[in-house]
Amino acid sequence: MDTSVAATIRALVVDDEEPGRINLRYALAEHPRWRIAAECESAATARAALADAAIDVVFLDIQMPSESGLALARELAAQVEPPLIVFVTAYSSHALEAFDVHALDYLCKPFDDARLAQTLARAAAMLEQRQRAGYGAALRAWSAPPNAYWREVRVRSVGRIECIRIDDVLWLQAAGNYVELHLTGRQVLHRAPLRHVVAHLDPAQFVQVHRGMVVRTAQIDALRRNNDGNYTVTLRCGDVVGVGGRYLTAVRARLGEGAAD
């Protein structure tokens, strides 16, 4: 693929509703680098289009008859270098599911010109940085069986994907639709719900200490009860993390009976 600045970016639009396809067609026409290679009204016709032409970015509706866009996205995840996926839907309730398949972006109809331009810029930057292979690996990691614990997580920022080793993660904290990965000397934001990340962590290495926090067991230096009756754990990295009441038993079990002051 030509990755020069002037390279054409080939898009596939998948939406069962014709107005949605037309709106995106006109919107993309305002961006000279972008060319719609095909428009499809179902996941089945999208597969045929993907087989016939090289596609860089798929603009994919989620809620469609017969088969959802999420199912097609998970199928694309099996490819070595899948096209970038941008979900375009009228249903904001699907946002977390879109994050679960590691979509590049999520556009909620009706979107404005500025929001679309932001998405197109992100896609172009990733294509130009030759990050398709890394993006594909991230997609496949999110499609792995639940008992296949992650060894690494790929964190996206503008134009690049950074590979973070799970062994380097000291603790994690929920931050809305993101997870803060606390590493030695820095923090990294990963766009994913904490519950999903926790499902892929080895429970022998990590323990949930709070609804929004998970720590590496080996990092726990001490469990203490504060004057107000609440508990905290002090980590070997120096951070102090609160412990929720429902998680106290699990934390004590990791440290042994009588670990709390």
Protein backbone atom coordinates (compact mmCIF):
# COMPACT_ATOMS: atom_id res chain seq x y z
CA MET A 1 0.00 0.00 0.00
CA ASP A 2 1.27 3.46 -0.88
CA THR A 3 1.73 5.31 2.40
CA SER A 4 2.73 8.69 1.00
CA VAL A 5 0.92 11.78 2.19
CA ALA A 6 -1.16 11.95 -1.03
CA ALA A 7 -2.14 8.27 -1.05
CA THR A 8 -5.80 7.52 -1.64
CA ILE A 9 -7.59 5.94 1.32
CA ARG A 10 -10.13 3.33 0.24
CA ALA A 11 -13.25 3.11 2.33
CA LEU A 12 -16.09 0.62 2.56
CA VAL A 13 -19.45 1.86 3.86
CA VAL A 14 -21.69 -0.78 5.45
CA ASP A 15 -25.17 0.35 6.52
CA ASP A 16 -28.54 -1.33 5.96
CA GLU A 17 -30.23 2.09 5.63
CA GLU A 18 -29.70 3.97 2.38
CA PRO A 19 -29.85 7.47 3.96
CA GLY A 20 -26.95 6.50 6.20
CA ARG A 21 -24.87 5.42 3.21
CA ILE A 22 -25.74 8.56 1.27
CA ASN A 23 -24.90 10.88 4.16
CA LEU A 24 -21.48 9.31 4.62
CA ARG A 25 -20.87 9.34 0.87
CA TYR A 26 -21.46 13.09 0.70
CA ALA A 27 -19.46 13.72 3.88
CA LEU A 28 -16.42 11.82 2.59
CA ALA A 29 -16.63 13.62 -0.75
CA GLU A 30 -15.41 16.73 1.08
CA HIS A 31 -12.11 14.97 1.82
CA PRO A 32 -10.09 14.50 -1.41
CA ARG A 33 -7.89 11.64 -0.17
CA TRP A 34 -10.86 9.45 0.63
CA ARG A 35 -12.57 7.27 -1.95
CA ILE A 36 -15.52 4.97 -1.32
CA ALA A 37 -14.67 1.67 -2.98
CA ALA A 38 -18.09 0.14 -2.27
CA GLU A 39 -21.31 0.64 -0.36
CA CYS A 40 -23.01 -2.38 1.23
CA GLU A 41 -26.32 -2.93 2.97
CA SER A 42 -25.37 -6.04 4.96
CA ALA A 43 -22.46 -7.94 6.47
CA ALA A 44 -22.77 -10.57 3.73
CA THR A 45 -22.38 -8.07 0.90
CA ALA A 46 -19.55 -6.41 2.81
CA ARG A 47 -17.64 -9.71 2.85
CA ALA A 48 -17.93 -9.93 -0.92
CA ALA A 49 -16.71 -6.35 -1.32
CA LEU A 50 -13.76 -6.98 0.99
CA ALA A 51 -12.82 -10.04 -1.06
CA ASP A 52 -12.92 -8.06 -4.31
CA ALA A 53 -11.01 -4.94 -3.32
CA ALA A 54 -8.28 -3.75 -0.96
CA ILE A 55 -10.01 -1.72 1.75
CA ASP A 56 -8.25 0.55 4.22
CA VAL A 57 -11.15 1.62 6.44
CA VAL A 58 -14.59 0.11 7.03
CA PHE A 59 -17.36 2.43 8.20
CA LEU A 60 -19.62 -0.13 9.82
CA ASP A 61 -23.15 0.11 11.17
CA ILE A 62 -23.73 -2.05 14.24
CA GLN A 63 -27.43 -2.85 14.28
CA MET A 64 -28.35 -4.50 10.96
CA PRO A 65 -30.81 -7.27 10.02
CA SER A 66 -29.59 -10.89 10.00
CA GLU A 67 -26.07 -10.12 11.28
CA SER A 68 -24.71 -7.26 13.36
CA GLY A 69 -21.70 -5.18 12.50
CA LEU A 70 -20.04 -6.42 15.69
CA ALA A 71 -20.05 -9.97 14.32
CA LEU A 72 -18.37 -8.84 11.11
CA ALA A 73 -15.81 -6.83 13.09
CA ARG A 74 -14.85 -9.87 15.13
CA GLU A 75 -14.44 -11.85 11.92
CA LEU A 76 -12.17 -9.19 10.46
CA ALA A 77 -10.08 -9.40 13.63
CA ALA A 78 -8.78 -12.79 12.49
CA GLN A 79 -6.97 -11.21 9.53
CA VAL A 80 -3.25 -10.48 9.77
CA GLU A 81 -3.75 -6.90 8.55
CA PRO A 82 -7.44 -6.08 8.91
CA PRO A 83 -8.92 -2.83 7.67
CA LEU A 84 -9.40 -0.16 10.28
CA ILE A 85 -12.91 -0.24 11.72
CA VAL A 86 -15.02 2.82 12.46
CA PHE A 87 -18.47 2.10 13.85
CA VAL A 88 -21.21 4.44 12.68
CA THR A 89 -24.52 3.97 14.48
CA ALA A 90 -27.50 5.78 15.91
CA TYR A 91 -27.34 3.77 19.13
CA SER A 92 -24.86 5.14 21.68
CA SER A 93 -25.65 2.16 23.93
CA HIS A 94 -23.37 0.07 21.71
CA ALA A 95 -20.28 2.17 22.48
CA LEU A 96 -18.74 -0.21 25.02
CA GLU A 97 -19.30 -3.15 22.69
CA ALA A 98 -17.49 -1.23 19.98
CA PHE A 99 -14.57 -0.70 22.35
CA ASP A 100 -14.62 -4.43 23.07
CA VAL A 101 -13.63 -5.18 19.47
CA HIS A 102 -11.04 -2.42 19.53
CA ALA A 103 -12.63 -0.25 16.85
CA LEU A 104 -10.52 2.70 15.73
CA ASP A 105 -13.39 5.04 16.48
CA TYR A 106 -17.12 5.28 17.15
CA LEU A 107 -19.33 7.82 15.38
CA CYS A 108 -22.81 8.34 16.73
CA LYS A 109 -25.38 9.56 14.18
CA PRO A 110 -25.90 12.33 13.45
CA PHE A 111 -22.23 13.33 13.58
CA ASP A 112 -20.92 16.75 12.58
CA ASP A 113 -18.16 17.64 10.13
CA ALA A 114 -15.62 18.32 12.88
CA ARG A 115 -16.16 14.94 14.52
CA LEU A 116 -15.82 13.12 11.21
CA ALA A 117 -12.67 15.07 10.34
CA GLN A 118 -11.15 13.98 13.66
CA THR A 119 -11.89 10.34 12.86
CA LEU A 120 -10.47 10.62 9.34
CA ALA A 121 -7.29 12.23 10.67
CA ARG A 122 -6.78 9.40 13.17
CA ALA A 123 -7.30 6.78 10.48
CA ALA A 124 -4.93 8.48 8.05
CA ALA A 125 -2.25 8.83 10.73
CA MET A 126 -2.43 5.16 11.60
CA LEU A 127 -2.26 4.08 7.96
CA GLU A 128 0.71 6.35 7.29
CA GLN A 129 2.58 5.06 10.35
CA ARG A 130 2.23 1.50 9.03
CA GLN A 131 0.44 0.43 12.17
CA ARG A 132 -2.00 -1.98 10.50
CA ALA A 133 -0.16 -5.09 11.74
CA GLY A 134 -0.17 -3.79 15.31
CA TYR A 135 -3.85 -2.92 15.03
CA GLY A 136 -4.57 -6.44 13.80
CA ALA A 137 -2.72 -7.97 16.73
CA ALA A 138 -4.75 -5.81 19.10
CA LEU A 139 -7.99 -6.94 17.50
CA ARG A 140 -7.00 -10.59 17.75
CA ALA A 141 -6.02 -10.19 21.40
CA TRP A 142 -9.52 -8.90 22.18
CA SER A 143 -11.04 -11.87 20.36
CA ALA A 144 -9.00 -14.46 22.28
CA PRO A 145 -10.76 -17.10 24.41
CA PRO A 146 -11.58 -15.85 27.93
CA ASN A 147 -9.04 -18.22 29.51
CA ALA A 148 -6.18 -16.99 27.32
CA TYR A 149 -4.55 -14.48 29.66
CA TRP A 150 -2.96 -11.47 28.05
CA ARG A 151 0.80 -11.11 27.95
CA GLU A 152 0.62 -7.64 26.49
CA VAL A 153 -1.84 -4.91 25.59
CA ARG A 154 -1.55 -2.50 22.71
CA VAL A 155 -2.39 1.07 23.62
CA ARG A 156 -3.35 3.46 20.87
CA SER A 157 -2.47 7.11 20.65
CA VAL A 158 -2.59 9.39 17.63
CA GLY A 159 -0.72 7.72 14.79
CA ARG A 160 0.88 4.90 16.75
CA ILE A 161 0.30 1.80 18.84
CA GLU A 162 2.46 1.11 21.89
CA CYS A 163 2.88 -2.42 23.15
CA ILE A 164 2.67 -2.61 26.95
CA ARG A 165 3.81 -5.84 28.62
CA ILE A 166 1.40 -7.06 31.27
CA ASP A 167 4.43 -7.95 33.39
CA ASP A 168 5.18 -4.21 33.54
CA VAL A 169 1.75 -3.24 34.86
CA LEU A 170 1.80 -2.52 38.61
CA TRP A 171 -1.87 -1.70 39.06
CA LEU A 172 -4.91 -0.59 37.09
CA GLN A 173 -7.68 1.92 37.70
CA ALA A 174 -10.97 2.54 35.89
CA ALA A 175 -11.32 5.97 34.31
CA GLY A 176 -14.70 6.11 32.59
CA ASN A 177 -14.45 4.18 29.32
CA TYR A 178 -10.69 3.91 29.83
CA VAL A 179 -8.31 2.04 32.10
CA GLU A 180 -5.26 3.72 33.63
CA LEU A 181 -2.31 1.34 33.43
CA HIS A 182 0.16 2.29 36.16
CA LEU A 183 3.73 1.47 35.15
CA THR A 184 7.04 2.35 36.74
CA GLY A 185 7.34 6.13 36.45
CA ARG A 186 4.32 6.72 34.23
CA GLN A 187 0.66 6.04 33.51
CA VAL A 188 -0.92 5.02 30.20
CA LEU A 189 -4.58 5.28 29.21
CA HIS A 190 -6.08 2.29 27.41
CA ARG A 191 -9.53 2.64 25.89
CA ALA A 192 -11.44 -0.28 27.37
CA PRO A 193 -13.78 -0.97 30.28
CA LEU A 194 -11.97 -2.31 33.34
CA ARG A 195 -14.27 -5.35 33.52
CA HIS A 196 -13.05 -6.51 30.12
CA VAL A 197 -9.38 -6.08 30.93
CA VAL A 198 -9.80 -7.92 34.25
CA ALA A 199 -11.32 -10.89 32.40
CA HIS A 200 -8.02 -11.28 30.52
CA LEU A 201 -5.65 -10.94 33.48
CA ASP A 202 -4.20 -13.97 35.26
CA PRO A 203 -5.96 -14.09 38.66
CA ALA A 204 -2.84 -15.71 40.09
CA GLN A 205 -1.00 -12.42 39.45
CA PHE A 206 -3.68 -9.78 40.01
CA VAL A 207 -6.32 -9.16 42.65
CA GLN A 208 -9.22 -6.71 42.54
CA VAL A 209 -9.14 -4.48 45.61
CA HIS A 210 -11.92 -2.08 44.69
CA ARG A 211 -14.70 -1.87 42.14
CA GLY A 212 -12.48 0.37 40.06
CA MET A 213 -8.99 -0.87 40.96
CA VAL A 214 -6.90 -3.99 40.42
CA VAL A 215 -3.34 -4.48 41.69
CA ARG A 216 -0.55 -6.91 41.04
CA THR A 217 -0.46 -9.18 44.08
CA ALA A 218 3.33 -9.09 44.28
CA GLN A 219 3.14 -5.30 44.56
CA ILE A 220 1.20 -5.36 47.85
CA ASP A 221 3.50 -4.41 50.70
CA ALA A 222 0.96 -3.95 53.49
CA LEU A 223 -2.77 -3.93 54.20
CA ARG A 224 -3.83 -1.42 56.83
CA ARG A 225 -6.99 -0.26 58.51
CA ASN A 226 -7.26 3.51 58.76
CA ASN A 227 -8.68 5.52 61.65
CA ASP A 228 -12.00 5.80 59.81
CA GLY A 229 -12.28 2.01 59.65
CA ASN A 230 -11.56 1.78 55.91
CA TYR A 231 -8.68 -0.24 54.52
CA THR A 232 -5.86 0.63 52.14
CA VAL A 233 -3.00 -1.30 50.60
CA THR A 234 0.44 0.22 50.28
CA LEU A 235 2.22 -0.94 47.13
CA ARG A 236 5.95 -1.51 46.75
CA CYS A 237 6.00 1.23 44.09
CA GLY A 238 4.89 3.69 46.80
CA ASP A 239 1.27 4.16 45.76
CA VAL A 240 -1.54 3.74 48.28
CA VAL A 241 -4.81 2.26 47.02
CA GLY A 242 -8.17 2.01 48.78
CA VAL A 243 -9.73 -1.39 49.43
CA GLY A 244 -13.47 -1.87 49.03
CA GLY A 245 -15.29 -3.83 51.73
CA ARG A 246 -16.46 -6.57 49.39
CA TYR A 247 -12.87 -7.20 48.24
CA LEU A 248 -11.24 -7.25 51.68
CA THR A 249 -11.53 -11.01 52.15
CA ALA A 250 -9.85 -11.71 48.81
CA VAL A 251 -7.00 -9.34 49.60
CA ARG A 252 -6.47 -10.91 53.03
CA ALA A 253 -6.45 -14.35 51.46
CA ARG A 254 -3.62 -13.32 49.16
CA LEU A 255 -1.57 -11.99 52.05
CA GLY A 256 -2.46 -14.57 54.68
CA GLU A 257 -4.55 -14.35 57.83
CA GLY A 258 -3.70 -11.47 60.14
CA ALA A 259 -2.16 -9.37 57.38
CA ALA A 260 -4.12 -6.30 58.40
CA ASP A 261 -3.00 -4.06 61.24
